[in-house]
Amino acid sequence: MSISLSFEQIISIIGLLVNVVQALVLPITIYLLVVQTRAMRQQTTALLIQSKEMTEQTRVFTDTIYSATFQSLYDAEAHIGELMMTYHEASRILMSQVQQGAEGDKPLSGTQIDPALRERVSWLGTAMLDFFEHIWTQAQKRGLPEDTWESWEEYMGKIISETRLRLVWQVERRYYSPGFRRFVDLKVGLPPDTVVKPPLPRHQPENQVPPEVTTPQVARVIRAVTEETKNREFYEATKGEKPEGRSNV
């Protein structure tokens, strides 16, 4: 049995098939959009979970950095406190208040202080300035919370500008980084073009070769501490007395 279709019938059948296909395109498109939306929702949920995990890891990392910074500051501060208790007379002189101005900025070399004691005051002040620079560096690297740094900033400005540490700074400032030097100069009230003062005269025991001017700051502090330890052991072994004694300054 053969079926013969005219050209018009064939065109009609093709048009019907096209209409059927067009009718199916919209549901299929909607279905694909639903599937894609569901996949995007799952990806968004996964990204949110990953973001929360990264936020928690960042918080833990930040807390770890703060804890390590606080521990290092605590250790350094404890060491400074130990030095001040050991060399109480030098600490008393260093922490005594001075007035700002021509009279208040009189260098330590011009005061009536025993040369050995003056040297001790100088390196004790240098140790404090090194500690302050460490705090400033940690703050610049965002290793300290902002409120903690604000407290330290106020404390350092007060100590450096109102005590004899100011006099030590005016002599030792050239050994510190330019950023920290600008920070302290601003707190102390020194103009940016302040001329660097020559170093304080160093007390040298007899038959000892004076250190070179280019000796690093940390090495000079360590040398001074070593000399004080040796002197202490010598006096304890000979007279039973400590080398540190109160001086009428």
Protein backbone atom coordinates (compact mmCIF):
# COMPACT_ATOMS: atom_id res chain seq x y z
CA MET A 1 0.00 0.00 0.00
CA SER A 2 1.56 3.24 -1.03
CA ILE A 3 0.71 6.60 0.36
CA SER A 4 1.24 9.52 -1.88
CA LEU A 5 1.42 12.94 -0.32
CA SER A 6 1.16 16.09 -2.13
CA PHE A 7 3.71 18.88 -1.74
CA GLU A 8 1.32 20.91 0.36
CA GLN A 9 0.76 17.99 2.75
CA ILE A 10 4.50 17.49 3.15
CA ILE A 11 4.96 21.16 3.94
CA SER A 12 2.14 20.94 6.48
CA ILE A 13 3.70 17.91 8.17
CA ILE A 14 7.08 19.64 8.34
CA GLY A 15 5.46 22.72 9.80
CA LEU A 16 3.70 20.57 12.41
CA LEU A 17 6.96 18.90 13.40
CA VAL A 18 8.64 22.30 13.71
CA ASN A 19 5.86 23.51 15.95
CA VAL A 20 6.19 20.42 18.14
CA VAL A 21 9.95 20.94 18.47
CA GLN A 22 9.45 24.61 19.29
CA ALA A 23 6.90 23.65 21.91
CA LEU A 24 9.45 21.27 23.50
CA VAL A 25 12.29 23.84 23.52
CA LEU A 26 10.75 26.01 26.24
CA PRO A 27 10.25 23.20 28.84
CA ILE A 28 13.73 21.84 28.12
CA THR A 29 15.22 25.33 28.52
CA ILE A 30 13.37 25.84 31.79
CA TYR A 31 14.58 22.47 33.04
CA LEU A 32 18.18 23.28 32.15
CA LEU A 33 17.90 26.64 33.91
CA VAL A 34 16.55 24.94 37.04
CA VAL A 35 19.44 22.44 37.00
CA GLN A 36 21.98 25.22 36.47
CA THR A 37 20.45 27.34 39.23
CA ARG A 38 20.59 24.40 41.62
CA ALA A 39 24.26 23.80 40.76
CA MET A 40 25.08 27.49 41.27
CA ARG A 41 23.29 27.42 44.61
CA GLN A 42 25.34 24.43 45.71
CA GLN A 43 28.54 26.18 44.59
CA THR A 44 27.52 29.33 46.47
CA THR A 45 26.87 27.31 49.61
CA ALA A 46 30.26 25.63 49.27
CA LEU A 47 31.94 29.01 48.80
CA LEU A 48 30.21 30.38 51.90
CA ILE A 49 31.35 27.41 53.96
CA GLN A 50 34.89 27.79 52.59
CA SER A 51 34.79 31.53 53.34
CA LYS A 52 33.76 30.86 56.94
CA GLU A 53 36.57 28.35 57.32
CA MET A 54 39.10 30.81 55.87
CA THR A 55 37.81 33.55 58.18
CA GLU A 56 38.24 31.27 61.16
CA GLN A 57 41.73 30.28 60.03
CA THR A 58 42.62 33.97 59.57
CA ARG A 59 41.35 34.73 63.07
CA VAL A 60 43.38 31.89 64.54
CA PHE A 61 46.45 33.01 62.58
CA THR A 62 45.99 36.61 63.77
CA ASP A 63 45.59 35.47 67.37
CA THR A 64 48.75 33.40 67.01
CA ILE A 65 50.67 36.41 65.71
CA TYR A 66 49.37 38.61 68.53
CA SER A 67 50.22 35.95 71.10
CA ALA A 68 53.75 35.58 69.76
CA THR A 69 54.18 39.37 69.68
CA PHE A 70 52.86 39.79 73.21
CA GLN A 71 55.16 37.03 74.44
CA SER A 72 58.21 38.64 72.83
CA LEU A 73 57.26 42.04 74.27
CA TYR A 74 56.70 40.49 77.68
CA ASP A 75 60.10 38.78 77.61
CA ALA A 76 61.85 41.99 76.51
CA GLU A 77 59.99 44.07 79.09
CA ALA A 78 60.85 41.57 81.82
CA HIS A 79 64.51 41.78 80.82
CA ILE A 80 64.42 45.59 80.96
CA GLY A 81 62.81 45.40 84.40
CA GLU A 82 65.50 43.01 85.57
CA LEU A 83 68.21 45.38 84.36
CA MET A 84 66.58 48.30 86.15
CA MET A 85 66.32 46.35 89.39
CA THR A 86 69.94 45.20 89.09
CA TYR A 87 71.28 48.68 88.30
CA HIS A 88 68.79 50.63 90.38
CA GLU A 89 70.95 53.75 90.69
CA ALA A 90 71.40 54.03 86.92
CA SER A 91 67.69 53.38 86.50
CA ARG A 92 66.82 56.13 88.99
CA ILE A 93 68.98 58.63 87.10
CA LEU A 94 67.65 57.56 83.71
CA MET A 95 64.00 57.78 84.76
CA SER A 96 64.34 61.11 86.57
CA GLN A 97 62.36 63.88 84.92
CA VAL A 98 64.02 66.71 83.03
CA GLN A 99 62.61 69.92 81.64
CA GLN A 100 62.62 70.56 77.92
CA GLY A 101 64.77 73.44 76.77
CA ALA A 102 68.37 74.50 76.80
CA GLU A 103 68.90 73.60 80.45
CA GLY A 104 66.87 70.43 80.35
CA ASP A 105 68.66 69.19 77.23
CA LYS A 106 72.07 69.44 78.85
CA PRO A 107 73.92 66.25 77.84
CA LEU A 108 74.83 63.61 80.40
CA SER A 109 78.50 64.32 79.80
CA GLY A 110 77.97 67.74 81.35
CA THR A 111 76.38 66.43 84.55
CA GLN A 112 78.17 65.59 87.79
CA ILE A 113 77.83 61.83 87.40
CA ASP A 114 80.55 59.27 87.89
CA PRO A 115 81.85 58.23 84.43
CA ALA A 116 81.21 54.53 85.06
CA LEU A 117 77.69 55.25 86.27
CA ARG A 118 77.10 57.57 83.33
CA GLU A 119 78.12 54.78 80.98
CA ARG A 120 75.69 52.45 82.72
CA VAL A 121 72.90 55.01 82.34
CA SER A 122 73.72 55.30 78.64
CA TRP A 123 73.54 51.62 77.79
CA LEU A 124 70.48 51.09 79.97
CA GLY A 125 68.79 53.91 78.05
CA THR A 126 69.92 52.30 74.80
CA ALA A 127 68.33 49.02 75.85
CA MET A 128 65.04 50.84 76.46
CA LEU A 129 65.23 52.58 73.08
CA ASP A 130 65.89 49.23 71.39
CA PHE A 131 62.81 47.85 73.14
CA PHE A 132 60.72 50.81 72.00
CA GLU A 133 61.93 50.39 68.42
CA HIS A 134 60.89 46.74 68.57
CA ILE A 135 57.38 47.76 69.65
CA TRP A 136 57.20 50.39 66.92
CA THR A 137 58.32 47.86 64.28
CA GLN A 138 55.70 45.34 65.38
CA ALA A 139 53.02 48.04 65.16
CA GLN A 140 54.16 49.02 61.66
CA LYS A 141 53.86 45.38 60.57
CA ARG A 142 50.37 45.19 62.15
CA GLY A 143 51.60 42.73 64.74
CA LEU A 144 49.85 44.68 67.51
CA PRO A 145 46.16 45.53 67.93
CA GLU A 146 45.42 49.18 67.30
CA ASP A 147 44.28 49.93 70.85
CA THR A 148 47.39 48.25 72.30
CA TRP A 149 49.65 50.31 70.06
CA GLU A 150 47.87 53.54 71.04
CA SER A 151 48.64 52.82 74.70
CA TRP A 152 52.29 52.07 73.95
CA GLU A 153 52.58 55.14 71.75
CA GLU A 154 51.36 57.40 74.54
CA TYR A 155 53.62 55.74 77.11
CA MET A 156 56.74 55.90 74.92
CA GLY A 157 56.14 59.54 74.07
CA LYS A 158 55.81 60.42 77.74
CA ILE A 159 58.88 58.48 78.88
CA ILE A 160 61.18 59.68 76.10
CA SER A 161 60.17 63.33 76.28
CA GLU A 162 60.01 63.78 80.07
CA THR A 163 62.96 61.75 81.42
CA ARG A 164 66.72 61.61 80.88
CA LEU A 165 66.03 59.03 78.22
CA ARG A 166 65.50 62.11 76.07
CA LEU A 167 69.19 62.98 76.49
CA VAL A 168 70.26 59.46 75.57
CA TRP A 169 68.05 59.60 72.48
CA GLN A 170 69.59 62.85 71.26
CA VAL A 171 72.99 61.13 71.23
CA GLU A 172 72.04 57.62 70.10
CA ARG A 173 69.31 58.49 67.57
CA ARG A 174 71.62 58.06 64.58
CA TYR A 175 71.80 54.30 65.22
CA TYR A 176 68.08 53.76 64.62
CA SER A 177 65.97 53.38 61.50
CA PRO A 178 64.78 56.58 59.79
CA GLY A 179 61.12 55.75 60.39
CA PHE A 180 61.56 55.20 64.11
CA ARG A 181 63.82 58.25 64.31
CA ARG A 182 61.10 60.44 62.79
CA PHE A 183 58.53 58.95 65.15
CA VAL A 184 60.58 59.65 68.29
CA ASP A 185 61.69 63.09 67.09
CA LEU A 186 58.05 64.02 66.68
CA LYS A 187 57.25 62.83 70.21
CA VAL A 188 60.29 64.56 71.68
CA GLY A 189 59.70 67.75 69.74
CA LEU A 190 62.94 67.80 67.76
CA PRO A 191 62.85 69.43 64.31
CA PRO A 192 63.47 67.11 61.34
CA ASP A 193 66.81 68.76 60.56
CA THR A 194 68.27 68.24 64.04
CA VAL A 195 72.02 67.74 63.90
CA VAL A 196 73.17 64.41 65.26
CA LYS A 197 75.15 64.99 68.44
CA PRO A 198 78.50 63.25 68.96
CA PRO A 199 78.48 60.14 71.13
CA LEU A 200 78.94 60.42 74.89
CA PRO A 201 82.47 59.98 76.23
CA ARG A 202 82.89 56.36 77.22
CA HIS A 203 84.43 55.43 80.55
CA GLN A 204 87.37 53.14 79.92
CA PRO A 205 89.11 51.13 82.65
CA GLU A 206 92.87 51.34 82.78
CA ASN A 207 94.94 49.41 80.24
CA GLN A 208 91.93 48.84 78.02
CA VAL A 209 91.86 49.76 74.35
CA PRO A 210 88.84 51.99 73.59
CA PRO A 211 86.25 50.45 71.27
CA GLU A 212 85.97 51.68 67.71
CA VAL A 213 83.35 54.26 66.90
CA THR A 214 81.83 51.92 64.37
CA THR A 215 81.08 49.23 66.97
CA PRO A 216 77.44 48.12 66.55
CA GLN A 217 75.00 49.35 69.16
CA VAL A 218 73.98 45.87 70.34
CA ALA A 219 77.61 44.81 70.68
CA ARG A 220 78.37 47.82 72.87
CA VAL A 221 75.42 47.02 75.13
CA ILE A 222 76.46 43.36 75.44
CA ARG A 223 80.05 44.40 76.18
CA ALA A 224 78.88 46.76 78.92
CA VAL A 225 76.71 44.07 80.51
CA THR A 226 79.62 41.60 80.40
CA GLU A 227 81.95 44.11 82.05
CA GLU A 228 79.43 44.80 84.79
CA THR A 229 79.05 41.07 85.45
CA LYS A 230 82.80 40.61 85.71
CA ASN A 231 83.11 43.60 88.06
CA ARG A 232 80.28 42.25 90.21
CA GLU A 233 81.95 38.85 90.51
CA PHE A 234 85.27 40.50 91.34
CA TYR A 235 83.83 42.65 94.13
CA GLU A 236 81.82 39.79 95.58
CA ALA A 237 84.94 37.63 95.64
CA THR A 238 87.18 40.30 97.20
CA LYS A 239 85.01 42.51 99.40
CA GLY A 240 81.63 40.83 99.34
CA GLU A 241 80.13 44.03 97.98
CA LYS A 242 78.25 44.70 94.74
CA PRO A 243 79.81 47.11 92.27
CA GLU A 244 76.55 49.04 92.07
CA GLY A 245 76.45 51.75 94.70
CA ARG A 246 74.33 54.81 95.19
CA SER A 247 75.85 57.99 93.93
CA ASN A 248 75.04 61.46 95.14
CA VAL A 249 73.84 62.93 91.84
